[in-house]
Amino acid sequence: LRGLRRVFRDPDFRPDMIKIYPCVVL
């Protein structure tokens, strides 16, 4: 949750789009 929130709270990141891929076991 901290990481996902930091994506937009930190000006070093702030992308135009995101894809969230929860880790799965293959």
mmCIF file of all heavy atoms, coordinates in Angstrom:
data_MODEL
# 
_entry.id   MODEL 
# 
loop_
_atom_site.group_PDB 
_atom_site.id 
_atom_site.type_symbol 
_atom_site.label_atom_id 
_atom_site.label_alt_id 
_atom_site.label_comp_id 
_atom_site.label_asym_id 
_atom_site.label_entity_id 
_atom_site.label_seq_id 
_atom_site.pdbx_PDB_ins_code 
_atom_site.Cartn_x 
_atom_site.Cartn_y 
_atom_site.Cartn_z 
_atom_site.occupancy 
_atom_site.B_iso_or_equiv 
_atom_site.pdbx_formal_charge 
_atom_site.auth_seq_id 
_atom_site.auth_comp_id 
_atom_site.auth_asym_id 
_atom_site.auth_atom_id 
_atom_site.pdbx_PDB_model_num 
ATOM 1   N N   . LEU A 1 1  ? 0.834  -1.201  0.000   1.00 0.00 ? 1  LEU A N   1 
ATOM 2   C CA  . LEU A 1 1  ? 0.000  0.000   0.000   1.00 0.00 ? 1  LEU A CA  1 
ATOM 3   C C   . LEU A 1 1  ? 0.874  1.257   0.000   1.00 0.00 ? 1  LEU A C   1 
ATOM 4   O O   . LEU A 1 1  ? 0.592  2.211   -0.730  1.00 0.00 ? 1  LEU A O   1 
ATOM 5   C CB  . LEU A 1 1  ? -0.928 0.001   1.214   1.00 0.00 ? 1  LEU A CB  1 
ATOM 6   C CG  . LEU A 1 1  ? -1.951 1.136   1.275   1.00 0.00 ? 1  LEU A CG  1 
ATOM 7   C CD1 . LEU A 1 1  ? -2.843 1.144   0.023   1.00 0.00 ? 1  LEU A CD1 1 
ATOM 8   C CD2 . LEU A 1 1  ? -2.803 1.029   2.522   1.00 0.00 ? 1  LEU A CD2 1 
ATOM 9   N N   . ARG A 1 2  ? 1.959  1.248   0.797   1.00 0.00 ? 2  ARG A N   1 
ATOM 10  C CA  . ARG A 1 2  ? 2.885  2.384   0.807   1.00 0.00 ? 2  ARG A CA  1 
ATOM 11  C C   . ARG A 1 2  ? 3.477  2.601   -0.582  1.00 0.00 ? 2  ARG A C   1 
ATOM 12  O O   . ARG A 1 2  ? 3.561  3.731   -1.065  1.00 0.00 ? 2  ARG A O   1 
ATOM 13  C CB  . ARG A 1 2  ? 4.027  2.142   1.795   1.00 0.00 ? 2  ARG A CB  1 
ATOM 14  C CG  . ARG A 1 2  ? 3.718  2.487   3.224   1.00 0.00 ? 2  ARG A CG  1 
ATOM 15  C CD  . ARG A 1 2  ? 4.993  2.620   4.050   1.00 0.00 ? 2  ARG A CD  1 
ATOM 16  N NE  . ARG A 1 2  ? 5.877  1.462   3.919   1.00 0.00 ? 2  ARG A NE  1 
ATOM 17  C CZ  . ARG A 1 2  ? 5.804  0.373   4.690   1.00 0.00 ? 2  ARG A CZ  1 
ATOM 18  N NH1 . ARG A 1 2  ? 4.876  0.293   5.630   1.00 0.00 ? 2  ARG A NH1 1 
ATOM 19  N NH2 . ARG A 1 2  ? 6.655  -0.624  4.520   1.00 0.00 ? 2  ARG A NH2 1 
ATOM 20  N N   . GLY A 1 3  ? 3.877  1.506   -1.239  1.00 0.00 ? 3  GLY A N   1 
ATOM 21  C CA  . GLY A 1 3  ? 4.492  1.609   -2.560  1.00 0.00 ? 3  GLY A CA  1 
ATOM 22  C C   . GLY A 1 3  ? 3.532  2.138   -3.607  1.00 0.00 ? 3  GLY A C   1 
ATOM 23  O O   . GLY A 1 3  ? 3.884  3.010   -4.408  1.00 0.00 ? 3  GLY A O   1 
ATOM 24  N N   . LEU A 1 4  ? 2.297  1.626   -3.617  1.00 0.00 ? 4  LEU A N   1 
ATOM 25  C CA  . LEU A 1 4  ? 1.311  2.068   -4.594  1.00 0.00 ? 4  LEU A CA  1 
ATOM 26  C C   . LEU A 1 4  ? 0.948  3.533   -4.390  1.00 0.00 ? 4  LEU A C   1 
ATOM 27  O O   . LEU A 1 4  ? 0.706  4.272   -5.353  1.00 0.00 ? 4  LEU A O   1 
ATOM 28  C CB  . LEU A 1 4  ? 0.062  1.186   -4.509  1.00 0.00 ? 4  LEU A CB  1 
ATOM 29  C CG  . LEU A 1 4  ? 0.233  -0.266  -5.001  1.00 0.00 ? 4  LEU A CG  1 
ATOM 30  C CD1 . LEU A 1 4  ? -0.973 -1.112  -4.626  1.00 0.00 ? 4  LEU A CD1 1 
ATOM 31  C CD2 . LEU A 1 4  ? 0.449  -0.302  -6.516  1.00 0.00 ? 4  LEU A CD2 1 
ATOM 32  N N   . ARG A 1 5  ? 0.913  3.966   -3.146  1.00 0.00 ? 5  ARG A N   1 
ATOM 33  C CA  . ARG A 1 5  ? 0.615  5.379   -2.867  1.00 0.00 ? 5  ARG A CA  1 
ATOM 34  C C   . ARG A 1 5  ? 1.796  6.277   -3.232  1.00 0.00 ? 5  ARG A C   1 
ATOM 35  O O   . ARG A 1 5  ? 1.620  7.391   -3.718  1.00 0.00 ? 5  ARG A O   1 
ATOM 36  C CB  . ARG A 1 5  ? 0.248  5.543   -1.394  1.00 0.00 ? 5  ARG A CB  1 
ATOM 37  C CG  . ARG A 1 5  ? -1.157 5.058   -1.075  1.00 0.00 ? 5  ARG A CG  1 
ATOM 38  C CD  . ARG A 1 5  ? -1.458 5.123   0.416   1.00 0.00 ? 5  ARG A CD  1 
ATOM 39  N NE  . ARG A 1 5  ? -2.890 4.920   0.665   1.00 0.00 ? 5  ARG A NE  1 
ATOM 40  C CZ  . ARG A 1 5  ? -3.421 4.727   1.868   1.00 0.00 ? 5  ARG A CZ  1 
ATOM 41  N NH1 . ARG A 1 5  ? -2.633 4.694   2.942   1.00 0.00 ? 5  ARG A NH1 1 
ATOM 42  N NH2 . ARG A 1 5  ? -4.717 4.566   2.013   1.00 0.00 ? 5  ARG A NH2 1 
ATOM 43  N N   . ARG A 1 6  ? 3.008  5.782   -3.013  1.00 0.00 ? 6  ARG A N   1 
ATOM 44  C CA  . ARG A 1 6  ? 4.205  6.575   -3.313  1.00 0.00 ? 6  ARG A CA  1 
ATOM 45  C C   . ARG A 1 6  ? 4.322  6.879   -4.805  1.00 0.00 ? 6  ARG A C   1 
ATOM 46  O O   . ARG A 1 6  ? 4.870  7.909   -5.194  1.00 0.00 ? 6  ARG A O   1 
ATOM 47  C CB  . ARG A 1 6  ? 5.452  5.824   -2.838  1.00 0.00 ? 6  ARG A CB  1 
ATOM 48  C CG  . ARG A 1 6  ? 6.737  6.628   -3.011  1.00 0.00 ? 6  ARG A CG  1 
ATOM 49  C CD  . ARG A 1 6  ? 7.962  5.815   -2.657  1.00 0.00 ? 6  ARG A CD  1 
ATOM 50  N NE  . ARG A 1 6  ? 9.170  6.521   -3.021  1.00 0.00 ? 6  ARG A NE  1 
ATOM 51  C CZ  . ARG A 1 6  ? 10.375 5.967   -3.090  1.00 0.00 ? 6  ARG A CZ  1 
ATOM 52  N NH1 . ARG A 1 6  ? 10.526 4.676   -2.791  1.00 0.00 ? 6  ARG A NH1 1 
ATOM 53  N NH2 . ARG A 1 6  ? 11.428 6.677   -3.455  1.00 0.00 ? 6  ARG A NH2 1 
ATOM 54  N N   . VAL A 1 7  ? 3.793  5.986   -5.634  1.00 0.00 ? 7  VAL A N   1 
ATOM 55  C CA  . VAL A 1 7  ? 3.849  6.185   -7.089  1.00 0.00 ? 7  VAL A CA  1 
ATOM 56  C C   . VAL A 1 7  ? 3.333  7.563   -7.480  1.00 0.00 ? 7  VAL A C   1 
ATOM 57  O O   . VAL A 1 7  ? 3.837  8.199   -8.410  1.00 0.00 ? 7  VAL A O   1 
ATOM 58  C CB  . VAL A 1 7  ? 3.046  5.072   -7.810  1.00 0.00 ? 7  VAL A CB  1 
ATOM 59  C CG1 . VAL A 1 7  ? 2.839  5.408   -9.281  1.00 0.00 ? 7  VAL A CG1 1 
ATOM 60  C CG2 . VAL A 1 7  ? 3.780  3.738   -7.688  1.00 0.00 ? 7  VAL A CG2 1 
ATOM 61  N N   . PHE A 1 8  ? 2.314  8.054   -6.761  1.00 0.00 ? 8  PHE A N   1 
ATOM 62  C CA  . PHE A 1 8  ? 1.724  9.351   -7.119  1.00 0.00 ? 8  PHE A CA  1 
ATOM 63  C C   . PHE A 1 8  ? 2.064  10.467  -6.126  1.00 0.00 ? 8  PHE A C   1 
ATOM 64  O O   . PHE A 1 8  ? 2.029  11.640  -6.488  1.00 0.00 ? 8  PHE A O   1 
ATOM 65  C CB  . PHE A 1 8  ? 0.209  9.210   -7.266  1.00 0.00 ? 8  PHE A CB  1 
ATOM 66  C CG  . PHE A 1 8  ? -0.160 8.309   -8.402  1.00 0.00 ? 8  PHE A CG  1 
ATOM 67  C CD1 . PHE A 1 8  ? -0.545 6.997   -8.169  1.00 0.00 ? 8  PHE A CD1 1 
ATOM 68  C CD2 . PHE A 1 8  ? -0.069 8.749   -9.715  1.00 0.00 ? 8  PHE A CD2 1 
ATOM 69  C CE1 . PHE A 1 8  ? -0.851 6.149   -9.217  1.00 0.00 ? 8  PHE A CE1 1 
ATOM 70  C CE2 . PHE A 1 8  ? -0.370 7.913   -10.774 1.00 0.00 ? 8  PHE A CE2 1 
ATOM 71  C CZ  . PHE A 1 8  ? -0.754 6.611   -10.521 1.00 0.00 ? 8  PHE A CZ  1 
ATOM 72  N N   . ARG A 1 9  ? 2.421  10.109  -4.920  1.00 0.00 ? 9  ARG A N   1 
ATOM 73  C CA  . ARG A 1 9  ? 2.773  11.137  -3.942  1.00 0.00 ? 9  ARG A CA  1 
ATOM 74  C C   . ARG A 1 9  ? 4.191  11.664  -4.156  1.00 0.00 ? 9  ARG A C   1 
ATOM 75  O O   . ARG A 1 9  ? 4.496  12.797  -3.779  1.00 0.00 ? 9  ARG A O   1 
ATOM 76  C CB  . ARG A 1 9  ? 2.603  10.576  -2.523  1.00 0.00 ? 9  ARG A CB  1 
ATOM 77  C CG  . ARG A 1 9  ? 1.140  10.263  -2.185  1.00 0.00 ? 9  ARG A CG  1 
ATOM 78  C CD  . ARG A 1 9  ? 0.990  9.744   -0.773  1.00 0.00 ? 9  ARG A CD  1 
ATOM 79  N NE  . ARG A 1 9  ? -0.419 9.449   -0.460  1.00 0.00 ? 9  ARG A NE  1 
ATOM 80  C CZ  . ARG A 1 9  ? -0.854 9.019   0.715   1.00 0.00 ? 9  ARG A CZ  1 
ATOM 81  N NH1 . ARG A 1 9  ? 0.015  8.837   1.716   1.00 0.00 ? 9  ARG A NH1 1 
ATOM 82  N NH2 . ARG A 1 9  ? -2.134 8.781   0.919   1.00 0.00 ? 9  ARG A NH2 1 
ATOM 83  N N   . ASP A 1 10 ? 5.050  10.848  -4.734  1.00 0.00 ? 10 ASP A N   1 
ATOM 84  C CA  . ASP A 1 10 ? 6.445  11.226  -4.967  1.00 0.00 ? 10 ASP A CA  1 
ATOM 85  C C   . ASP A 1 10 ? 6.592  11.802  -6.379  1.00 0.00 ? 10 ASP A C   1 
ATOM 86  O O   . ASP A 1 10 ? 6.303  11.112  -7.364  1.00 0.00 ? 10 ASP A O   1 
ATOM 87  C CB  . ASP A 1 10 ? 7.340  9.990   -4.811  1.00 0.00 ? 10 ASP A CB  1 
ATOM 88  C CG  . ASP A 1 10 ? 8.820  10.332  -4.791  1.00 0.00 ? 10 ASP A CG  1 
ATOM 89  O OD1 . ASP A 1 10 ? 9.208  11.338  -5.415  1.00 0.00 ? 10 ASP A OD1 1 
ATOM 90  O OD2 . ASP A 1 10 ? 9.589  9.573   -4.157  1.00 0.00 ? 10 ASP A OD2 1 
ATOM 91  N N   . PRO A 1 11 ? 7.040  13.051  -6.535  1.00 0.00 ? 11 PRO A N   1 
ATOM 92  C CA  . PRO A 1 11 ? 7.150  13.669  -7.865  1.00 0.00 ? 11 PRO A CA  1 
ATOM 93  C C   . PRO A 1 11 ? 8.183  13.016  -8.775  1.00 0.00 ? 11 PRO A C   1 
ATOM 94  O O   . PRO A 1 11 ? 8.219  13.307  -9.972  1.00 0.00 ? 11 PRO A O   1 
ATOM 95  C CB  . PRO A 1 11 ? 7.544  15.121  -7.544  1.00 0.00 ? 11 PRO A CB  1 
ATOM 96  C CG  . PRO A 1 11 ? 8.137  15.072  -6.179  1.00 0.00 ? 11 PRO A CG  1 
ATOM 97  C CD  . PRO A 1 11 ? 7.412  13.985  -5.458  1.00 0.00 ? 11 PRO A CD  1 
ATOM 98  N N   . ASP A 1 12 ? 8.999  12.112  -8.238  1.00 0.00 ? 12 ASP A N   1 
ATOM 99  C CA  . ASP A 1 12 ? 9.961  11.398  -9.096  1.00 0.00 ? 12 ASP A CA  1 
ATOM 100 C C   . ASP A 1 12 ? 9.270  10.382  -9.997  1.00 0.00 ? 12 ASP A C   1 
ATOM 101 O O   . ASP A 1 12 ? 9.893  9.845   -10.911 1.00 0.00 ? 12 ASP A O   1 
ATOM 102 C CB  . ASP A 1 12 ? 11.000 10.672  -8.233  1.00 0.00 ? 12 ASP A CB  1 
ATOM 103 C CG  . ASP A 1 12 ? 12.090 11.598  -7.723  1.00 0.00 ? 12 ASP A CG  1 
ATOM 104 O OD1 . ASP A 1 12 ? 12.366 12.605  -8.405  1.00 0.00 ? 12 ASP A OD1 1 
ATOM 105 O OD2 . ASP A 1 12 ? 12.656 11.318  -6.653  1.00 0.00 ? 12 ASP A OD2 1 
ATOM 106 N N   . PHE A 1 13 ? 7.984  10.093  -9.750  1.00 0.00 ? 13 PHE A N   1 
ATOM 107 C CA  . PHE A 1 13 ? 7.286  9.052   -10.507 1.00 0.00 ? 13 PHE A CA  1 
ATOM 108 C C   . PHE A 1 13 ? 6.079  9.641   -11.255 1.00 0.00 ? 13 PHE A C   1 
ATOM 109 O O   . PHE A 1 13 ? 6.212  10.168  -12.325 1.00 0.00 ? 13 PHE A O   1 
ATOM 110 C CB  . PHE A 1 13 ? 6.901  7.909   -9.560  1.00 0.00 ? 13 PHE A CB  1 
ATOM 111 C CG  . PHE A 1 13 ? 8.064  7.380   -8.770  1.00 0.00 ? 13 PHE A CG  1 
ATOM 112 C CD1 . PHE A 1 13 ? 8.152  7.581   -7.394  1.00 0.00 ? 13 PHE A CD1 1 
ATOM 113 C CD2 . PHE A 1 13 ? 9.088  6.703   -9.405  1.00 0.00 ? 13 PHE A CD2 1 
ATOM 114 C CE1 . PHE A 1 13 ? 9.238  7.110   -6.671  1.00 0.00 ? 13 PHE A CE1 1 
ATOM 115 C CE2 . PHE A 1 13 ? 10.179 6.219   -8.690  1.00 0.00 ? 13 PHE A CE2 1 
ATOM 116 C CZ  . PHE A 1 13 ? 10.255 6.435   -7.324  1.00 0.00 ? 13 PHE A CZ  1 
ATOM 117 N N   . ARG A 1 14 ? 4.895  9.499   -10.724 1.00 0.00 ? 14 ARG A N   1 
ATOM 118 C CA  . ARG A 1 14 ? 3.668  10.053  -11.301 1.00 0.00 ? 14 ARG A CA  1 
ATOM 119 C C   . ARG A 1 14 ? 3.480  9.714   -12.791 1.00 0.00 ? 14 ARG A C   1 
ATOM 120 O O   . ARG A 1 14 ? 3.515  10.587  -13.654 1.00 0.00 ? 14 ARG A O   1 
ATOM 121 C CB  . ARG A 1 14 ? 3.637  11.566  -11.082 1.00 0.00 ? 14 ARG A CB  1 
ATOM 122 C CG  . ARG A 1 14 ? 3.552  11.921  -9.612  1.00 0.00 ? 14 ARG A CG  1 
ATOM 123 C CD  . ARG A 1 14 ? 3.518  13.406  -9.345  1.00 0.00 ? 14 ARG A CD  1 
ATOM 124 N NE  . ARG A 1 14 ? 3.433  13.650  -7.899  1.00 0.00 ? 14 ARG A NE  1 
ATOM 125 C CZ  . ARG A 1 14 ? 3.611  14.851  -7.333  1.00 0.00 ? 14 ARG A CZ  1 
ATOM 126 N NH1 . ARG A 1 14 ? 3.863  15.899  -8.092  1.00 0.00 ? 14 ARG A NH1 1 
ATOM 127 N NH2 . ARG A 1 14 ? 3.525  14.976  -6.033  1.00 0.00 ? 14 ARG A NH2 1 
ATOM 128 N N   . PRO A 1 15 ? 3.250  8.444   -13.100 1.00 0.00 ? 15 PRO A N   1 
ATOM 129 C CA  . PRO A 1 15 ? 3.047  8.032   -14.490 1.00 0.00 ? 15 PRO A CA  1 
ATOM 130 C C   . PRO A 1 15 ? 1.688  8.464   -15.038 1.00 0.00 ? 15 PRO A C   1 
ATOM 131 O O   . PRO A 1 15 ? 0.788  8.831   -14.288 1.00 0.00 ? 15 PRO A O   1 
ATOM 132 C CB  . PRO A 1 15 ? 3.129  6.504   -14.411 1.00 0.00 ? 15 PRO A CB  1 
ATOM 133 C CG  . PRO A 1 15 ? 2.623  6.194   -13.029 1.00 0.00 ? 15 PRO A CG  1 
ATOM 134 C CD  . PRO A 1 15 ? 3.140  7.320   -12.161 1.00 0.00 ? 15 PRO A CD  1 
ATOM 135 N N   . ASP A 1 16 ? 1.549  8.397   -16.355 1.00 0.00 ? 16 ASP A N   1 
ATOM 136 C CA  . ASP A 1 16 ? 0.281  8.724   -17.016 1.00 0.00 ? 16 ASP A CA  1 
ATOM 137 C C   . ASP A 1 16 ? -0.709 7.566   -16.915 1.00 0.00 ? 16 ASP A C   1 
ATOM 138 O O   . ASP A 1 16 ? -1.920 7.773   -16.952 1.00 0.00 ? 16 ASP A O   1 
ATOM 139 C CB  . ASP A 1 16 ? 0.518  9.046   -18.491 1.00 0.00 ? 16 ASP A CB  1 
ATOM 140 C CG  . ASP A 1 16 ? 1.494  10.191  -18.668 1.00 0.00 ? 16 ASP A CG  1 
ATOM 141 O OD1 . ASP A 1 16 ? 1.073  11.342  -18.489 1.00 0.00 ? 16 ASP A OD1 1 
ATOM 142 O OD2 . ASP A 1 16 ? 2.675  9.938   -18.959 1.00 0.00 ? 16 ASP A OD2 1 
ATOM 143 N N   . MET A 1 17 ? -0.173 6.352   -16.843 1.00 0.00 ? 17 MET A N   1 
ATOM 144 C CA  . MET A 1 17 ? -0.999 5.152   -16.783 1.00 0.00 ? 17 MET A CA  1 
ATOM 145 C C   . MET A 1 17 ? -0.328 4.147   -15.850 1.00 0.00 ? 17 MET A C   1 
ATOM 146 O O   . MET A 1 17 ? 0.884  4.225   -15.619 1.00 0.00 ? 17 MET A O   1 
ATOM 147 C CB  . MET A 1 17 ? -1.169 4.516   -18.175 1.00 0.00 ? 17 MET A CB  1 
ATOM 148 C CG  . MET A 1 17 ? -1.893 5.381   -19.181 1.00 0.00 ? 17 MET A CG  1 
ATOM 149 S SD  . MET A 1 17 ? -1.808 4.698   -20.865 1.00 0.00 ? 17 MET A SD  1 
ATOM 150 C CE  . MET A 1 17 ? -2.653 3.141   -20.664 1.00 0.00 ? 17 MET A CE  1 
ATOM 151 N N   . ILE A 1 18 ? -1.102 3.193   -15.353 1.00 0.00 ? 18 ILE A N   1 
ATOM 152 C CA  . ILE A 1 18 ? -0.524 2.098   -14.578 1.00 0.00 ? 18 ILE A CA  1 
ATOM 153 C C   . ILE A 1 18 ? -1.232 0.789   -14.928 1.00 0.00 ? 18 ILE A C   1 
ATOM 154 O O   . ILE A 1 18 ? -2.390 0.776   -15.332 1.00 0.00 ? 18 ILE A O   1 
ATOM 155 C CB  . ILE A 1 18 ? -0.613 2.321   -13.056 1.00 0.00 ? 18 ILE A CB  1 
ATOM 156 C CG1 . ILE A 1 18 ? -2.067 2.506   -12.602 1.00 0.00 ? 18 ILE A CG1 1 
ATOM 157 C CG2 . ILE A 1 18 ? 0.252  3.489   -12.614 1.00 0.00 ? 18 ILE A CG2 1 
ATOM 158 C CD1 . ILE A 1 18 ? -2.224 2.494   -11.086 1.00 0.00 ? 18 ILE A CD1 1 
ATOM 159 N N   . LYS A 1 19 ? -0.493 -0.299  -14.770 1.00 0.00 ? 19 LYS A N   1 
ATOM 160 C CA  . LYS A 1 19 ? -1.053 -1.643  -14.820 1.00 0.00 ? 19 LYS A CA  1 
ATOM 161 C C   . LYS A 1 19 ? -0.655 -2.319  -13.519 1.00 0.00 ? 19 LYS A C   1 
ATOM 162 O O   . LYS A 1 19 ? 0.527  -2.318  -13.159 1.00 0.00 ? 19 LYS A O   1 
ATOM 163 C CB  . LYS A 1 19 ? -0.507 -2.431  -16.016 1.00 0.00 ? 19 LYS A CB  1 
ATOM 164 C CG  . LYS A 1 19 ? -0.975 -1.903  -17.357 1.00 0.00 ? 19 LYS A CG  1 
ATOM 165 C CD  . LYS A 1 19 ? -0.461 -2.769  -18.494 1.00 0.00 ? 19 LYS A CD  1 
ATOM 166 C CE  . LYS A 1 19 ? -0.989 -2.258  -19.838 1.00 0.00 ? 19 LYS A CE  1 
ATOM 167 N NZ  . LYS A 1 19 ? -0.492 -3.078  -20.967 1.00 0.00 ? 19 LYS A NZ  1 
ATOM 168 N N   . ILE A 1 20 ? -1.626 -2.844  -12.810 1.00 0.00 ? 20 ILE A N   1 
ATOM 169 C CA  . ILE A 1 20 ? -1.344 -3.517  -11.552 1.00 0.00 ? 20 ILE A CA  1 
ATOM 170 C C   . ILE A 1 20 ? -1.483 -5.022  -11.773 1.00 0.00 ? 20 ILE A C   1 
ATOM 171 O O   . ILE A 1 20 ? -2.565 -5.517  -12.072 1.00 0.00 ? 20 ILE A O   1 
ATOM 172 C CB  . ILE A 1 20 ? -2.276 -3.024  -10.434 1.00 0.00 ? 20 ILE A CB  1 
ATOM 173 C CG1 . ILE A 1 20 ? -2.121 -1.510  -10.250 1.00 0.00 ? 20 ILE A CG1 1 
ATOM 174 C CG2 . ILE A 1 20 ? -1.978 -3.748  -9.139  1.00 0.00 ? 20 ILE A CG2 1 
ATOM 175 C CD1 . ILE A 1 20 ? -3.015 -0.916  -9.175  1.00 0.00 ? 20 ILE A CD1 1 
ATOM 176 N N   . TYR A 1 21 ? -0.358 -5.710  -11.647 1.00 0.00 ? 21 TYR A N   1 
ATOM 177 C CA  . TYR A 1 21 ? -0.303 -7.153  -11.870 1.00 0.00 ? 21 TYR A CA  1 
ATOM 178 C C   . TYR A 1 21 ? 0.046  -7.861  -10.564 1.00 0.00 ? 21 TYR A C   1 
ATOM 179 O O   . TYR A 1 21 ? 1.226  -8.045  -10.260 1.00 0.00 ? 21 TYR A O   1 
ATOM 180 C CB  . TYR A 1 21 ? 0.789  -7.506  -12.891 1.00 0.00 ? 21 TYR A CB  1 
ATOM 181 C CG  . TYR A 1 21 ? 0.586  -7.058  -14.297 1.00 0.00 ? 21 TYR A CG  1 
ATOM 182 C CD1 . TYR A 1 21 ? 1.680  -6.806  -15.130 1.00 0.00 ? 21 TYR A CD1 1 
ATOM 183 C CD2 . TYR A 1 21 ? -0.681 -6.909  -14.840 1.00 0.00 ? 21 TYR A CD2 1 
ATOM 184 C CE1 . TYR A 1 21 ? 1.516  -6.419  -16.450 1.00 0.00 ? 21 TYR A CE1 1 
ATOM 185 C CE2 . TYR A 1 21 ? -0.856 -6.520  -16.151 1.00 0.00 ? 21 TYR A CE2 1 
ATOM 186 C CZ  . TYR A 1 21 ? 0.245  -6.283  -16.957 1.00 0.00 ? 21 TYR A CZ  1 
ATOM 187 O OH  . TYR A 1 21 ? 0.070  -5.903  -18.257 1.00 0.00 ? 21 TYR A OH  1 
ATOM 188 N N   . PRO A 1 22 ? -0.921 -8.228  -9.735  1.00 0.00 ? 22 PRO A N   1 
ATOM 189 C CA  . PRO A 1 22 ? -0.561 -8.984  -8.524  1.00 0.00 ? 22 PRO A CA  1 
ATOM 190 C C   . PRO A 1 22 ? 0.252  -10.224 -8.900  1.00 0.00 ? 22 PRO A C   1 
ATOM 191 O O   . PRO A 1 22 ? -0.026 -10.897 -9.895  1.00 0.00 ? 22 PRO A O   1 
ATOM 192 C CB  . PRO A 1 22 ? -1.927 -9.362  -7.947  1.00 0.00 ? 22 PRO A CB  1 
ATOM 193 C CG  . PRO A 1 22 ? -2.856 -8.291  -8.434  1.00 0.00 ? 22 PRO A CG  1 
ATOM 194 C CD  . PRO A 1 22 ? -2.372 -7.972  -9.812  1.00 0.00 ? 22 PRO A CD  1 
ATOM 195 N N   . CYS A 1 23 ? 1.278  -10.495 -8.104  1.00 0.00 ? 23 CYS A N   1 
ATOM 196 C CA  . CYS A 1 23 ? 2.176  -11.613 -8.395  1.00 0.00 ? 23 CYS A CA  1 
ATOM 197 C C   . CYS A 1 23 ? 1.410  -12.938 -8.362  1.00 0.00 ? 23 CYS A C   1 
ATOM 198 O O   . CYS A 1 23 ? 0.600  -13.178 -7.466  1.00 0.00 ? 23 CYS A O   1 
ATOM 199 C CB  . CYS A 1 23 ? 3.303  -11.623 -7.364  1.00 0.00 ? 23 CYS A CB  1 
ATOM 200 S SG  . CYS A 1 23 ? 4.523  -12.920 -7.642  1.00 0.00 ? 23 CYS A SG  1 
ATOM 201 N N   . VAL A 1 24 ? 1.665  -13.771 -9.353  1.00 0.00 ? 24 VAL A N   1 
ATOM 202 C CA  . VAL A 1 24 ? 1.076  -15.110 -9.390  1.00 0.00 ? 24 VAL A CA  1 
ATOM 203 C C   . VAL A 1 24 ? 2.186  -16.142 -9.565  1.00 0.00 ? 24 VAL A C   1 
ATOM 204 O O   . VAL A 1 24 ? 3.272  -15.833 -10.065 1.00 0.00 ? 24 VAL A O   1 
ATOM 205 C CB  . VAL A 1 24 ? 0.042  -15.267 -10.533 1.00 0.00 ? 24 VAL A CB  1 
ATOM 206 C CG1 . VAL A 1 24 ? -1.154 -14.366 -10.311 1.00 0.00 ? 24 VAL A CG1 1 
ATOM 207 C CG2 . VAL A 1 24 ? 0.666  -14.994 -11.892 1.00 0.00 ? 24 VAL A CG2 1 
ATOM 208 N N   . VAL A 1 25 ? 1.918  -17.369 -9.146  1.00 0.00 ? 25 VAL A N   1 
ATOM 209 C CA  . VAL A 1 25 ? 2.887  -18.455 -9.275  1.00 0.00 ? 25 VAL A CA  1 
ATOM 210 C C   . VAL A 1 25 ? 2.595  -19.221 -10.561 1.00 0.00 ? 25 VAL A C   1 
ATOM 211 O O   . VAL A 1 25 ? 1.486  -19.733 -10.757 1.00 0.00 ? 25 VAL A O   1 
ATOM 212 C CB  . VAL A 1 25 ? 2.815  -19.410 -8.062  1.00 0.00 ? 25 VAL A CB  1 
ATOM 213 C CG1 . VAL A 1 25 ? 3.788  -20.575 -8.254  1.00 0.00 ? 25 VAL A CG1 1 
ATOM 214 C CG2 . VAL A 1 25 ? 3.136  -18.663 -6.780  1.00 0.00 ? 25 VAL A CG2 1 
ATOM 215 N N   . LEU A 1 26 ? 3.596  -19.281 -11.440 1.00 0.00 ? 26 LEU A N   1 
ATOM 216 C CA  . LEU A 1 26 ? 3.482  -19.986 -12.714 1.00 0.00 ? 26 LEU A CA  1 
ATOM 217 C C   . LEU A 1 26 ? 4.512  -21.107 -12.754 1.00 0.00 ? 26 LEU A C   1 
ATOM 218 O O   . LEU A 1 26 ? 5.627  -20.952 -12.240 1.00 0.00 ? 26 LEU A O   1 
ATOM 219 C CB  . LEU A 1 26 ? 3.700  -19.016 -13.875 1.00 0.00 ? 26 LEU A CB  1 
ATOM 220 C CG  . LEU A 1 26 ? 2.743  -17.815 -13.899 1.00 0.00 ? 26 LEU A CG  1 
ATOM 221 C CD1 . LEU A 1 26 ? 3.239  -16.753 -14.870 1.00 0.00 ? 26 LEU A CD1 1 
ATOM 222 C CD2 . LEU A 1 26 ? 1.343  -18.268 -14.272 1.00 0.00 ? 26 LEU A CD2 1 
# 
